Amino acid sequence: MTIQNNFKLSMAAIAASLLVAACGGGGGGGSDASPAAPASGASTPATPTSPANLTTPQYPSDSFHLAAFNLLNKQRQQCGFPALQENTALDQADAAHAQYQATNNTVSDWETAGAPGFTGASYADRAAHFGYTATTSVGGVSGGIYTNATWTEAQYGEQAIYALISGVYHSFIAVAPMTTIGIGKVATTYNGFPQEWYSMSLAKYQGGMTNAPLTFPCQGTTGVAYSSLGEMPTPPATSGHWGTPVAVAGNPTDVIVMQTGSMTDSSGHVISLQVLDSAKDPNKILAPYMGVAYPTTPLSPNSSYTVSINGTINGTAFSRTFTFTTGNVIG
């Protein structure tokens, strides 16, 4: 029997109105009042000159990193969201945080001063430590994967993305109006198989979407996870498992209010969706520019669903209707 476990997912979402990283679970709460300053207890940071984004990713072929980068960009761009570019300072920050998680056997957005491998409390602190200067708009996601199947590194990278974009809160990585990413990954061994720890940082807001809000998934999206679990915190109104979430996002300064949502399967069965936005979210994770509508129980694999969602953006009503298809994937 093959066992697959996305063991814990943790995230720090980015509130566009404040442009600071706010913890979304796993490591506690709080915000970065002065995110550009290195955290207390960290070693001397790298020279504070942000390296430029790379127009072509330099991740090794067949690596976790390149597979994750390519799949995430494919999913984002097909729905109209900005492409992400690699930044090597963020890569270093995320590699260090992945190692921190592996060393301390924990998945968390935050690091604790004095713990082995500490380089900064938050995503912004760690970015600053490794020389990324525009740290007032850095947030990220962290997680881990274990399976006793034999996978390539590329398969691990793709599974990480499927898990993230099937999370009610982590789906922000598919829709955030940002243009910069760092990816870090460390593998340990458990029961003779790799246990993969990863961290991804997103940065640098971009506006200018004239047709906002956009959604992910969107018309024609295929292969997304039909079921998800293991997110920290657990999404409201679920028993720990839920179906494909629909993330809705505008420009960084937009305000999304979600009103209603439903999915209809190919047999005509209608599924009511739980809707969340920054005002309705009891965990206070979603940024004002984002909303989510999701089925509170899993969908079916390899099946088509037509989505209908309604809400407002900056007080003006919007509605979106489209069809997507799940894959045989559990996030």
C-alpha atoms as a PDB file:
ATOM      1  CA  MET A   1       0.000   0.000   0.000  1.00  0.00           C
ATOM      2  CA  THR A   2       1.291   3.441  -0.914  1.00  0.00           C
ATOM      3  CA  ILE A   3       1.043   6.084   1.781  1.00  0.00           C
ATOM      4  CA  GLN A   4       1.197   9.751   0.861  1.00  0.00           C
ATOM      5  CA  ASN A   5       1.121  12.473   3.480  1.00  0.00           C
ATOM      6  CA  ASN A   6       1.392  16.196   2.979  1.00  0.00           C
ATOM      7  CA  PHE A   7       2.408  16.515   6.603  1.00  0.00           C
ATOM      8  CA  LYS A   8       1.220  19.905   7.725  1.00  0.00           C
ATOM      9  CA  LEU A   9       1.054  23.056   5.644  1.00  0.00           C
ATOM     10  CA  SER A  10       1.758  26.431   7.123  1.00  0.00           C
ATOM     11  CA  MET A  11       1.541  29.870   5.604  1.00  0.00           C
ATOM     12  CA  ALA A  12       2.111  33.553   6.138  1.00  0.00           C
ATOM     13  CA  ALA A  13      -0.300  35.544   4.009  1.00  0.00           C
ATOM     14  CA  ILE A  14       0.401  39.100   2.930  1.00  0.00           C
ATOM     15  CA  ALA A  15      -2.058  41.856   3.797  1.00  0.00           C
ATOM     16  CA  ALA A  16      -1.882  44.307   0.917  1.00  0.00           C
ATOM     17  CA  SER A  17      -3.186  47.214   2.962  1.00  0.00           C
ATOM     18  CA  LEU A  18      -0.303  46.916   5.436  1.00  0.00           C
ATOM     19  CA  LEU A  19       2.361  45.345   3.212  1.00  0.00           C
ATOM     20  CA  VAL A  20       3.607  43.179   6.072  1.00  0.00           C
ATOM     21  CA  ALA A  21       3.695  39.429   6.498  1.00  0.00           C
ATOM     22  CA  ALA A  22       1.087  38.198   8.962  1.00  0.00           C
ATOM     23  CA  CYS A  23       1.273  34.664  10.310  1.00  0.00           C
ATOM     24  CA  GLY A  24      -1.395  32.309   9.073  1.00  0.00           C
ATOM     25  CA  GLY A  25      -0.759  29.319  11.274  1.00  0.00           C
ATOM     26  CA  GLY A  26       1.772  26.813  12.425  1.00  0.00           C
ATOM     27  CA  GLY A  27       4.140  29.140  14.177  1.00  0.00           C
ATOM     28  CA  GLY A  28       1.998  31.539  16.153  1.00  0.00           C
ATOM     29  CA  GLY A  29       0.694  34.996  15.401  1.00  0.00           C
ATOM     30  CA  GLY A  30       1.960  38.498  14.933  1.00  0.00           C
ATOM     31  CA  SER A  31       3.252  40.818  12.256  1.00  0.00           C
ATOM     32  CA  ASP A  32       6.505  42.438  11.241  1.00  0.00           C
ATOM     33  CA  ALA A  33       6.486  46.068  12.259  1.00  0.00           C
ATOM     34  CA  SER A  34       9.967  46.572  10.817  1.00  0.00           C
ATOM     35  CA  PRO A  35      10.457  43.667   8.417  1.00  0.00           C
ATOM     36  CA  ALA A  36      13.586  45.072   6.785  1.00  0.00           C
ATOM     37  CA  ALA A  37      15.581  44.689  10.013  1.00  0.00           C
ATOM     38  CA  PRO A  38      17.249  41.351  10.706  1.00  0.00           C
ATOM     39  CA  ALA A  39      15.630  39.492  13.588  1.00  0.00           C
ATOM     40  CA  SER A  40      17.261  39.419  16.994  1.00  0.00           C
ATOM     41  CA  GLY A  41      19.481  36.399  17.367  1.00  0.00           C
ATOM     42  CA  ALA A  42      20.231  35.984  13.687  1.00  0.00           C
ATOM     43  CA  SER A  43      23.804  35.930  12.518  1.00  0.00           C
ATOM     44  CA  THR A  44      25.205  38.844  10.517  1.00  0.00           C
ATOM     45  CA  PRO A  45      23.101  39.216   7.340  1.00  0.00           C
ATOM     46  CA  ALA A  46      24.434  39.165   3.828  1.00  0.00           C
ATOM     47  CA  THR A  47      25.287  42.441   2.124  1.00  0.00           C
ATOM     48  CA  PRO A  48      21.876  44.161   1.707  1.00  0.00           C
ATOM     49  CA  THR A  49      21.837  44.453  -2.064  1.00  0.00           C
ATOM     50  CA  SER A  50      18.920  42.575  -3.593  1.00  0.00           C
ATOM     51  CA  PRO A  51      19.975  40.481  -6.568  1.00  0.00           C
ATOM     52  CA  ALA A  52      17.841  41.081  -9.619  1.00  0.00           C
ATOM     53  CA  ASN A  53      15.174  38.586 -10.574  1.00  0.00           C
ATOM     54  CA  LEU A  54      16.258  36.009 -13.129  1.00  0.00           C
ATOM     55  CA  THR A  55      14.396  36.179 -16.432  1.00  0.00           C
ATOM     56  CA  THR A  56      15.116  32.464 -16.939  1.00  0.00           C
ATOM     57  CA  PRO A  57      15.061  30.172 -13.890  1.00  0.00           C
ATOM     58  CA  GLN A  58      18.388  28.608 -12.979  1.00  0.00           C
ATOM     59  CA  TYR A  59      17.011  25.694 -10.957  1.00  0.00           C
ATOM     60  CA  PRO A  60      18.577  22.339 -11.944  1.00  0.00           C
ATOM     61  CA  SER A  61      16.676  20.251 -14.475  1.00  0.00           C
ATOM     62  CA  ASP A  62      14.557  17.465 -12.953  1.00  0.00           C
ATOM     63  CA  SER A  63      14.740  19.205  -9.575  1.00  0.00           C
ATOM     64  CA  PHE A  64      11.961  19.745  -7.040  1.00  0.00           C
ATOM     65  CA  HIS A  65      12.525  23.462  -7.505  1.00  0.00           C
ATOM     66  CA  LEU A  66      12.149  23.628 -11.281  1.00  0.00           C
ATOM     67  CA  ALA A  67       9.128  21.331 -11.344  1.00  0.00           C
ATOM     68  CA  ALA A  68       7.392  23.407  -8.666  1.00  0.00           C
ATOM     69  CA  PHE A  69       8.331  26.667 -10.380  1.00  0.00           C
ATOM     70  CA  ASN A  70       7.109  25.541 -13.800  1.00  0.00           C
ATOM     71  CA  LEU A  71       3.817  24.061 -12.607  1.00  0.00           C
ATOM     72  CA  LEU A  72       2.985  27.059 -10.429  1.00  0.00           C
ATOM     73  CA  ASN A  73       3.691  29.487 -13.261  1.00  0.00           C
ATOM     74  CA  LYS A  74       1.685  27.392 -15.717  1.00  0.00           C
ATOM     75  CA  GLN A  75      -1.323  27.375 -13.409  1.00  0.00           C
ATOM     76  CA  ARG A  76      -1.057  31.082 -12.626  1.00  0.00           C
ATOM     77  CA  GLN A  77      -0.557  32.287 -16.187  1.00  0.00           C
ATOM     78  CA  GLN A  78      -3.357  30.240 -17.706  1.00  0.00           C
ATOM     79  CA  CYS A  79      -5.736  32.128 -15.424  1.00  0.00           C
ATOM     80  CA  GLY A  80      -4.221  35.564 -16.131  1.00  0.00           C
ATOM     81  CA  PHE A  81      -2.090  36.065 -13.022  1.00  0.00           C
ATOM     82  CA  PRO A  82       1.443  37.497 -13.284  1.00  0.00           C
ATOM     83  CA  ALA A  83       4.314  35.142 -14.004  1.00  0.00           C
ATOM     84  CA  LEU A  84       6.786  34.632 -11.177  1.00  0.00           C
ATOM     85  CA  GLN A  85      10.543  35.092 -11.565  1.00  0.00           C
ATOM     86  CA  GLU A  86      13.231  33.422  -9.481  1.00  0.00           C
ATOM     87  CA  ASN A  87      15.180  35.516  -6.997  1.00  0.00           C
ATOM     88  CA  THR A  88      18.345  33.935  -5.619  1.00  0.00           C
ATOM     89  CA  ALA A  89      18.293  35.798  -2.291  1.00  0.00           C
ATOM     90  CA  LEU A  90      14.798  34.457  -1.615  1.00  0.00           C
ATOM     91  CA  ASP A  91      16.015  31.012  -2.724  1.00  0.00           C
ATOM     92  CA  GLN A  92      18.706  31.171  -0.031  1.00  0.00           C
ATOM     93  CA  ALA A  93      16.204  32.318   2.595  1.00  0.00           C
ATOM     94  CA  ASP A  94      13.844  29.479   1.722  1.00  0.00           C
ATOM     95  CA  ALA A  95      16.601  26.883   1.598  1.00  0.00           C
ATOM     96  CA  ALA A  96      17.646  27.951   5.095  1.00  0.00           C
ATOM     97  CA  HIS A  97      14.062  27.764   6.363  1.00  0.00           C
ATOM     98  CA  ALA A  98      13.553  24.324   4.807  1.00  0.00           C
ATOM     99  CA  GLN A  99      16.681  23.197   6.660  1.00  0.00           C
ATOM    100  CA  TYR A 100      15.394  24.791   9.864  1.00  0.00           C
ATOM    101  CA  GLN A 101      12.184  22.782   9.581  1.00  0.00           C
ATOM    102  CA  ALA A 102      14.054  19.547   8.904  1.00  0.00           C
ATOM    103  CA  THR A 103      16.516  20.124  11.744  1.00  0.00           C
ATOM    104  CA  ASN A 104      13.772  20.942  14.230  1.00  0.00           C
ATOM    105  CA  ASN A 105      11.276  18.397  12.851  1.00  0.00           C
ATOM    106  CA  THR A 106       8.524  20.971  12.504  1.00  0.00           C
ATOM    107  CA  VAL A 107       6.537  22.772   9.807  1.00  0.00           C
ATOM    108  CA  SER A 108       6.152  26.434  10.649  1.00  0.00           C
ATOM    109  CA  ASP A 109       6.211  29.876   9.089  1.00  0.00           C
ATOM    110  CA  TRP A 110       8.162  31.222  12.035  1.00  0.00           C
ATOM    111  CA  GLU A 111      11.586  30.438  13.428  1.00  0.00           C
ATOM    112  CA  THR A 112      12.513  30.683  17.094  1.00  0.00           C
ATOM    113  CA  ALA A 113      15.628  32.603  18.050  1.00  0.00           C
ATOM    114  CA  GLY A 114      18.187  30.252  19.545  1.00  0.00           C
ATOM    115  CA  ALA A 115      16.845  27.163  17.800  1.00  0.00           C
ATOM    116  CA  PRO A 116      19.266  25.285  15.524  1.00  0.00           C
ATOM    117  CA  GLY A 117      19.451  26.856  12.078  1.00  0.00           C
ATOM    118  CA  PHE A 118      17.690  30.112  13.014  1.00  0.00           C
ATOM    119  CA  THR A 119      18.190  32.867  10.404  1.00  0.00           C
ATOM    120  CA  GLY A 120      15.180  35.110  11.094  1.00  0.00           C
ATOM    121  CA  ALA A 121      11.760  34.950  12.683  1.00  0.00           C
ATOM    122  CA  SER A 122       9.621  35.633   9.599  1.00  0.00           C
ATOM    123  CA  TYR A 123       9.817  35.291   5.822  1.00  0.00           C
ATOM    124  CA  ALA A 124      10.666  38.996   5.642  1.00  0.00           C
ATOM    125  CA  ASP A 125      13.383  38.700   8.294  1.00  0.00           C
ATOM    126  CA  ARG A 126      14.965  35.756   6.529  1.00  0.00           C
ATOM    127  CA  ALA A 127      14.808  37.509   3.175  1.00  0.00           C
ATOM    128  CA  ALA A 128      16.599  40.515   4.695  1.00  0.00           C
ATOM    129  CA  HIS A 129      19.191  38.239   6.272  1.00  0.00           C
ATOM    130  CA  PHE A 130      20.111  36.905   2.835  1.00  0.00           C
ATOM    131  CA  GLY A 131      20.255  40.298   1.179  1.00  0.00           C
ATOM    132  CA  TYR A 132      16.739  40.869  -0.184  1.00  0.00           C
ATOM    133  CA  THR A 133      16.026  44.518   0.582  1.00  0.00           C
ATOM    134  CA  ALA A 134      12.368  44.953  -0.456  1.00  0.00           C
ATOM    135  CA  THR A 135      11.173  42.965   2.552  1.00  0.00           C
ATOM    136  CA  THR A 136       7.972  44.927   3.270  1.00  0.00           C
ATOM    137  CA  SER A 137       6.051  42.725   0.811  1.00  0.00           C
ATOM    138  CA  VAL A 138       7.451  39.261   1.495  1.00  0.00           C
ATOM    139  CA  GLY A 139       5.306  36.374   2.676  1.00  0.00           C
ATOM    140  CA  GLY A 140       5.298  32.686   2.053  1.00  0.00           C
ATOM    141  CA  VAL A 141       4.235  29.112   2.584  1.00  0.00           C
ATOM    142  CA  SER A 142       5.896  26.108   4.152  1.00  0.00           C
ATOM    143  CA  GLY A 143       5.119  22.428   4.141  1.00  0.00           C
ATOM    144  CA  GLY A 144       6.293  18.881   3.877  1.00  0.00           C
ATOM    145  CA  ILE A 145       5.636  15.702   1.914  1.00  0.00           C
ATOM    146  CA  TYR A 146       6.209  12.054   2.755  1.00  0.00           C
ATOM    147  CA  THR A 147       5.293   8.993   0.674  1.00  0.00           C
ATOM    148  CA  ASN A 148       6.494   5.407   0.629  1.00  0.00           C
ATOM    149  CA  ALA A 149       6.112   5.357  -3.137  1.00  0.00           C
ATOM    150  CA  THR A 150       9.195   5.904  -5.270  1.00  0.00           C
ATOM    151  CA  TRP A 151       8.997   9.410  -6.693  1.00  0.00           C
ATOM    152  CA  THR A 152      11.378  11.596  -8.644  1.00  0.00           C
ATOM    153  CA  GLU A 153      12.312  15.000  -7.294  1.00  0.00           C
ATOM    154  CA  ALA A 154      10.171  16.545 -10.031  1.00  0.00           C
ATOM    155  CA  GLN A 155       7.154  14.578  -8.790  1.00  0.00           C
ATOM    156  CA  TYR A 156       7.733  15.861  -5.259  1.00  0.00           C
ATOM    157  CA  GLY A 157       7.897  19.424  -6.566  1.00  0.00           C
ATOM    158  CA  GLU A 158       4.666  19.109  -8.513  1.00  0.00           C
ATOM    159  CA  GLN A 159       2.895  17.457  -5.579  1.00  0.00           C
ATOM    160  CA  ALA A 160       3.935  20.364  -3.361  1.00  0.00           C
ATOM    161  CA  ILE A 161       2.218  22.793  -5.736  1.00  0.00           C
ATOM    162  CA  TYR A 162      -0.919  20.656  -6.040  1.00  0.00           C
ATOM    163  CA  ALA A 163      -1.087  20.542  -2.247  1.00  0.00           C
ATOM    164  CA  LEU A 164      -0.593  24.279  -1.873  1.00  0.00           C
ATOM    165  CA  ILE A 165      -3.140  25.389  -4.466  1.00  0.00           C
ATOM    166  CA  SER A 166      -5.719  22.983  -3.040  1.00  0.00           C
ATOM    167  CA  GLY A 167      -5.440  24.627   0.368  1.00  0.00           C
ATOM    168  CA  VAL A 168      -8.120  27.154   1.237  1.00  0.00           C
ATOM    169  CA  TYR A 169      -5.491  29.520   2.629  1.00  0.00           C
ATOM    170  CA  HIS A 170      -2.481  28.326   0.646  1.00  0.00           C
ATOM    171  CA  SER A 171      -4.264  28.900  -2.662  1.00  0.00           C
ATOM    172  CA  PHE A 172      -3.035  32.469  -2.339  1.00  0.00           C
ATOM    173  CA  ILE A 173       0.196  31.264  -3.972  1.00  0.00           C
ATOM    174  CA  ALA A 174      -1.772  30.728  -7.213  1.00  0.00           C
ATOM    175  CA  VAL A 175      -3.452  34.144  -7.248  1.00  0.00           C
ATOM    176  CA  ALA A 176      -1.319  36.637  -5.320  1.00  0.00           C
ATOM    177  CA  PRO A 177      -0.662  39.693  -7.554  1.00  0.00           C
ATOM    178  CA  MET A 178       3.095  39.290  -7.145  1.00  0.00           C
ATOM    179  CA  THR A 179       6.024  38.661  -9.470  1.00  0.00           C
ATOM    180  CA  THR A 180       8.920  37.218  -7.436  1.00  0.00           C
ATOM    181  CA  ILE A 181       9.514  33.807  -5.858  1.00  0.00           C
ATOM    182  CA  GLY A 182      12.129  31.893  -3.923  1.00  0.00           C
ATOM    183  CA  ILE A 183      12.045  28.122  -3.399  1.00  0.00           C
ATOM    184  CA  GLY A 184      13.951  26.003  -0.905  1.00  0.00           C
ATOM    185  CA  LYS A 185      13.807  22.270  -0.188  1.00  0.00           C
ATOM    186  CA  VAL A 186      15.611  19.797   2.076  1.00  0.00           C
ATOM    187  CA  ALA A 187      15.137  16.020   2.183  1.00  0.00           C
ATOM    188  CA  THR A 188      15.546  13.810   5.229  1.00  0.00           C
ATOM    189  CA  THR A 189      14.733  10.102   5.486  1.00  0.00           C
ATOM    190  CA  TYR A 190      11.826   8.421   7.250  1.00  0.00           C
ATOM    191  CA  ASN A 191      11.245   4.658   7.095  1.00  0.00           C
ATOM    192  CA  GLY A 192      13.683   4.455   4.210  1.00  0.00           C
ATOM    193  CA  PHE A 193      11.928   7.033   2.008  1.00  0.00           C
ATOM    194  CA  PRO A 194      12.515  10.769   1.508  1.00  0.00           C
ATOM    195  CA  GLN A 195      10.709  13.199   3.754  1.00  0.00           C
ATOM    196  CA  GLU A 196      10.719  16.503   1.903  1.00  0.00           C
ATOM    197  CA  TRP A 197      10.605  19.845   3.716  1.00  0.00           C
ATOM    198  CA  TYR A 198      10.041  22.984   1.661  1.00  0.00           C
ATOM    199  CA  SER A 199       9.532  26.726   1.863  1.00  0.00           C
ATOM    200  CA  MET A 200       8.488  29.244  -0.782  1.00  0.00           C
ATOM    201  CA  SER A 201       8.538  33.036  -0.548  1.00  0.00           C
ATOM    202  CA  LEU A 202       6.535  35.418  -2.733  1.00  0.00           C
ATOM    203  CA  ALA A 203       7.327  39.117  -3.089  1.00  0.00           C
ATOM    204  CA  LYS A 204       6.899  42.298  -5.130  1.00  0.00           C
ATOM    205  CA  TYR A 205       3.291  43.299  -5.748  1.00  0.00           C
ATOM    206  CA  GLN A 206       2.086  44.150  -9.241  1.00  0.00           C
ATOM    207  CA  GLY A 207      -1.166  45.939 -10.077  1.00  0.00           C
ATOM    208  CA  GLY A 208      -2.746  46.743 -13.400  1.00  0.00           C
ATOM    209  CA  MET A 209      -5.291  43.939 -13.789  1.00  0.00           C
ATOM    210  CA  THR A 210      -8.117  45.681 -15.655  1.00  0.00           C
ATOM    211  CA  ASN A 211     -10.419  42.647 -15.607  1.00  0.00           C
ATOM    212  CA  ALA A 212     -10.167  41.918 -11.888  1.00  0.00           C
ATOM    213  CA  PRO A 213     -11.089  39.866 -10.071  1.00  0.00           C
ATOM    214  CA  LEU A 214      -9.570  36.766 -11.626  1.00  0.00           C
ATOM    215  CA  THR A 215      -9.989  33.217 -10.339  1.00  0.00           C
ATOM    216  CA  PHE A 216      -8.012  30.035  -9.899  1.00  0.00           C
ATOM    217  CA  PRO A 217      -9.036  27.554 -11.109  1.00  0.00           C
ATOM    218  CA  CYS A 218     -10.492  29.247 -14.182  1.00  0.00           C
ATOM    219  CA  GLN A 219     -12.137  28.208 -17.425  1.00  0.00           C
ATOM    220  CA  GLY A 220     -10.384  25.129 -18.783  1.00  0.00           C
ATOM    221  CA  THR A 221      -8.140  24.369 -15.781  1.00  0.00           C
ATOM    222  CA  THR A 222      -7.495  20.627 -15.518  1.00  0.00           C
ATOM    223  CA  GLY A 223      -5.766  18.199 -13.193  1.00  0.00           C
ATOM    224  CA  VAL A 224      -6.223  20.003  -9.870  1.00  0.00           C
ATOM    225  CA  ALA A 225      -6.605  18.095  -6.611  1.00  0.00           C
ATOM    226  CA  TYR A 226     -10.144  16.915  -5.921  1.00  0.00           C
ATOM    227  CA  SER A 227      -9.508  16.522  -2.186  1.00  0.00           C
ATOM    228  CA  SER A 228      -7.239  18.259   0.296  1.00  0.00           C
ATOM    229  CA  LEU A 229      -6.266  17.924   3.948  1.00  0.00           C
ATOM    230  CA  GLY A 230      -3.573  18.830   6.428  1.00  0.00           C
ATOM    231  CA  GLU A 231      -3.736  22.628   6.242  1.00  0.00           C
ATOM    232  CA  MET A 232      -2.862  24.728   9.278  1.00  0.00           C
ATOM    233  CA  PRO A 233      -5.219  26.153  10.376  1.00  0.00           C
ATOM    234  CA  THR A 234      -8.010  23.808   9.274  1.00  0.00           C
ATOM    235  CA  PRO A 235     -10.435  25.709   7.010  1.00  0.00           C
ATOM    236  CA  PRO A 236     -13.789  26.649   8.603  1.00  0.00           C
ATOM    237  CA  ALA A 237     -16.803  24.330   8.257  1.00  0.00           C
ATOM    238  CA  THR A 238     -14.735  21.286   7.262  1.00  0.00           C
ATOM    239  CA  SER A 239     -13.982  18.068   9.104  1.00  0.00           C
ATOM    240  CA  GLY A 240     -10.377  18.211   7.931  1.00  0.00           C
ATOM    241  CA  HIS A 241     -10.977  17.244   4.289  1.00  0.00           C
ATOM    242  CA  TRP A 242     -12.422  19.507   1.599  1.00  0.00           C
ATOM    243  CA  GLY A 243     -12.714  19.867  -2.170  1.00  0.00           C
ATOM    244  CA  THR A 244     -11.032  22.074  -4.762  1.00  0.00           C
ATOM    245  CA  PRO A 245     -11.132  25.701  -3.561  1.00  0.00           C
ATOM    246  CA  VAL A 246     -11.795  28.579  -5.942  1.00  0.00           C
ATOM    247  CA  ALA A 247      -9.498  31.497  -5.108  1.00  0.00           C
ATOM    248  CA  VAL A 248     -10.563  34.983  -6.227  1.00  0.00           C
ATOM    249  CA  ALA A 249      -8.107  37.888  -6.344  1.00  0.00           C
ATOM    250  CA  GLY A 250      -7.803  41.450  -7.535  1.00  0.00           C
ATOM    251  CA  ASN A 251      -5.065  44.057  -7.552  1.00  0.00           C
ATOM    252  CA  PRO A 252      -3.085  44.668  -4.335  1.00  0.00           C
ATOM    253  CA  THR A 253      -5.265  47.591  -3.196  1.00  0.00           C
ATOM    254  CA  ASP A 254      -8.624  46.029  -4.134  1.00  0.00           C
ATOM    255  CA  VAL A 255     -11.133  44.789  -1.572  1.00  0.00           C
ATOM    256  CA  ILE A 256     -13.012  41.574  -2.352  1.00  0.00           C
ATOM    257  CA  VAL A 257     -16.269  40.631  -0.618  1.00  0.00           C
ATOM    258  CA  MET A 258     -17.552  37.122  -1.287  1.00  0.00           C
ATOM    259  CA  GLN A 259     -21.323  36.614  -1.273  1.00  0.00           C
ATOM    260  CA  THR A 260     -22.370  33.241  -2.753  1.00  0.00           C
ATOM    261  CA  GLY A 261     -20.834  30.314  -4.563  1.00  0.00           C
ATOM    262  CA  SER A 262     -21.833  26.934  -5.962  1.00  0.00           C
ATOM    263  CA  MET A 263     -20.479  24.084  -8.093  1.00  0.00           C
ATOM    264  CA  THR A 264     -22.554  21.861 -10.374  1.00  0.00           C
ATOM    265  CA  ASP A 265     -21.265  18.455 -11.422  1.00  0.00           C
ATOM    266  CA  SER A 266     -21.904  16.762 -14.777  1.00  0.00           C
ATOM    267  CA  SER A 267     -25.045  15.057 -13.459  1.00  0.00           C
ATOM    268  CA  GLY A 268     -26.577  18.392 -12.436  1.00  0.00           C
ATOM    269  CA  HIS A 269     -26.000  18.007  -8.699  1.00  0.00           C
ATOM    270  CA  VAL A 270     -25.442  21.417  -7.080  1.00  0.00           C
ATOM    271  CA  ILE A 271     -22.866  21.817  -4.295  1.00  0.00           C
ATOM    272  CA  SER A 272     -23.092  24.906  -2.097  1.00  0.00           C
ATOM    273  CA  LEU A 273     -19.738  26.493  -1.353  1.00  0.00           C
ATOM    274  CA  GLN A 274     -18.426  28.003   1.859  1.00  0.00           C
ATOM    275  CA  VAL A 275     -17.255  31.551   1.117  1.00  0.00           C
ATOM    276  CA  LEU A 276     -14.511  33.458   2.912  1.00  0.00           C
ATOM    277  CA  ASP A 277     -12.984  36.910   2.533  1.00  0.00           C
ATOM    278  CA  SER A 278     -10.840  39.034   4.814  1.00  0.00           C
ATOM    279  CA  ALA A 279     -13.872  40.134   6.842  1.00  0.00           C
ATOM    280  CA  LYS A 280     -15.454  36.671   7.124  1.00  0.00           C
ATOM    281  CA  ASP A 281     -12.259  34.700   7.763  1.00  0.00           C
ATOM    282  CA  PRO A 282     -12.214  33.708  11.464  1.00  0.00           C
ATOM    283  CA  ASN A 283      -8.469  33.047  11.253  1.00  0.00           C
ATOM    284  CA  LYS A 284      -7.736  36.530   9.822  1.00  0.00           C
ATOM    285  CA  ILE A 285      -5.392  35.182   7.169  1.00  0.00           C
ATOM    286  CA  LEU A 286      -6.921  36.238   3.850  1.00  0.00           C
ATOM    287  CA  ALA A 287      -5.707  39.547   2.459  1.00  0.00           C
ATOM    288  CA  PRO A 288      -8.378  42.121   1.492  1.00  0.00           C
ATOM    289  CA  TYR A 289      -7.618  41.594  -2.218  1.00  0.00           C
ATOM    290  CA  MET A 290      -8.566  37.900  -1.971  1.00  0.00           C
ATOM    291  CA  GLY A 291     -11.555  35.650  -1.382  1.00  0.00           C
ATOM    292  CA  VAL A 292     -12.131  31.892  -1.478  1.00  0.00           C
ATOM    293  CA  ALA A 293     -15.153  29.669  -2.188  1.00  0.00           C
ATOM    294  CA  TYR A 294     -14.804  25.955  -1.465  1.00  0.00           C
ATOM    295  CA  PRO A 295     -16.781  22.726  -1.046  1.00  0.00           C
ATOM    296  CA  THR A 296     -16.546  21.562   2.562  1.00  0.00           C
ATOM    297  CA  THR A 297     -16.218  17.911   1.491  1.00  0.00           C
ATOM    298  CA  PRO A 298     -14.039  16.364  -1.253  1.00  0.00           C
ATOM    299  CA  LEU A 299     -15.076  16.378  -4.898  1.00  0.00           C
ATOM    300  CA  SER A 300     -14.711  13.398  -7.250  1.00  0.00           C
ATOM    301  CA  PRO A 301     -11.512  12.637  -9.190  1.00  0.00           C
ATOM    302  CA  ASN A 302     -11.318  13.199 -12.952  1.00  0.00           C
ATOM    303  CA  SER A 303     -14.608  15.102 -12.971  1.00  0.00           C
ATOM    304  CA  SER A 304     -15.857  18.396 -14.426  1.00  0.00           C
ATOM    305  CA  TYR A 305     -17.520  21.082 -12.303  1.00  0.00           C
ATOM    306  CA  THR A 306     -19.161  24.337 -13.313  1.00  0.00           C
ATOM    307  CA  VAL A 307     -18.571  27.141 -10.828  1.00  0.00           C
ATOM    308  CA  SER A 308     -20.782  30.144 -10.162  1.00  0.00           C
ATOM    309  CA  ILE A 309     -19.568  32.776  -7.700  1.00  0.00           C
ATOM    310  CA  ASN A 310     -20.784  36.261  -6.807  1.00  0.00           C
ATOM    311  CA  GLY A 311     -19.407  39.105  -4.755  1.00  0.00           C
ATOM    312  CA  THR A 312     -18.172  42.677  -4.889  1.00  0.00           C
ATOM    313  CA  ILE A 313     -14.845  44.292  -5.702  1.00  0.00           C
ATOM    314  CA  ASN A 314     -14.417  47.764  -4.230  1.00  0.00           C
ATOM    315  CA  GLY A 315     -18.189  47.861  -3.785  1.00  0.00           C
ATOM    316  CA  THR A 316     -19.024  46.927  -7.393  1.00  0.00           C
ATOM    317  CA  ALA A 317     -20.811  43.627  -8.016  1.00  0.00           C
ATOM    318  CA  PHE A 318     -19.066  40.848  -9.948  1.00  0.00           C
ATOM    319  CA  SER A 319     -19.997  37.319 -10.977  1.00  0.00           C
ATOM    320  CA  ARG A 320     -17.878  34.564 -12.530  1.00  0.00           C
ATOM    321  CA  THR A 321     -18.989  31.315 -14.175  1.00  0.00           C
ATOM    322  CA  PHE A 322     -16.584  28.721 -15.581  1.00  0.00           C
ATOM    323  CA  THR A 323     -15.835  24.994 -15.793  1.00  0.00           C
ATOM    324  CA  PHE A 324     -12.760  23.144 -14.532  1.00  0.00           C
ATOM    325  CA  THR A 325     -11.800  19.467 -14.241  1.00  0.00           C
ATOM    326  CA  THR A 326     -10.211  17.682 -11.309  1.00  0.00           C
ATOM    327  CA  GLY A 327      -7.431  15.139 -11.660  1.00  0.00           C
ATOM    328  CA  ASN A 328      -6.685  12.002  -9.702  1.00  0.00           C
ATOM    329  CA  VAL A 329      -4.725  14.045  -7.161  1.00  0.00           C
ATOM    330  CA  ILE A 330      -5.047  14.508  -3.398  1.00  0.00           C
ATOM    331  CA  GLY A 331      -3.557  17.748  -2.141  1.00  0.00           C
END
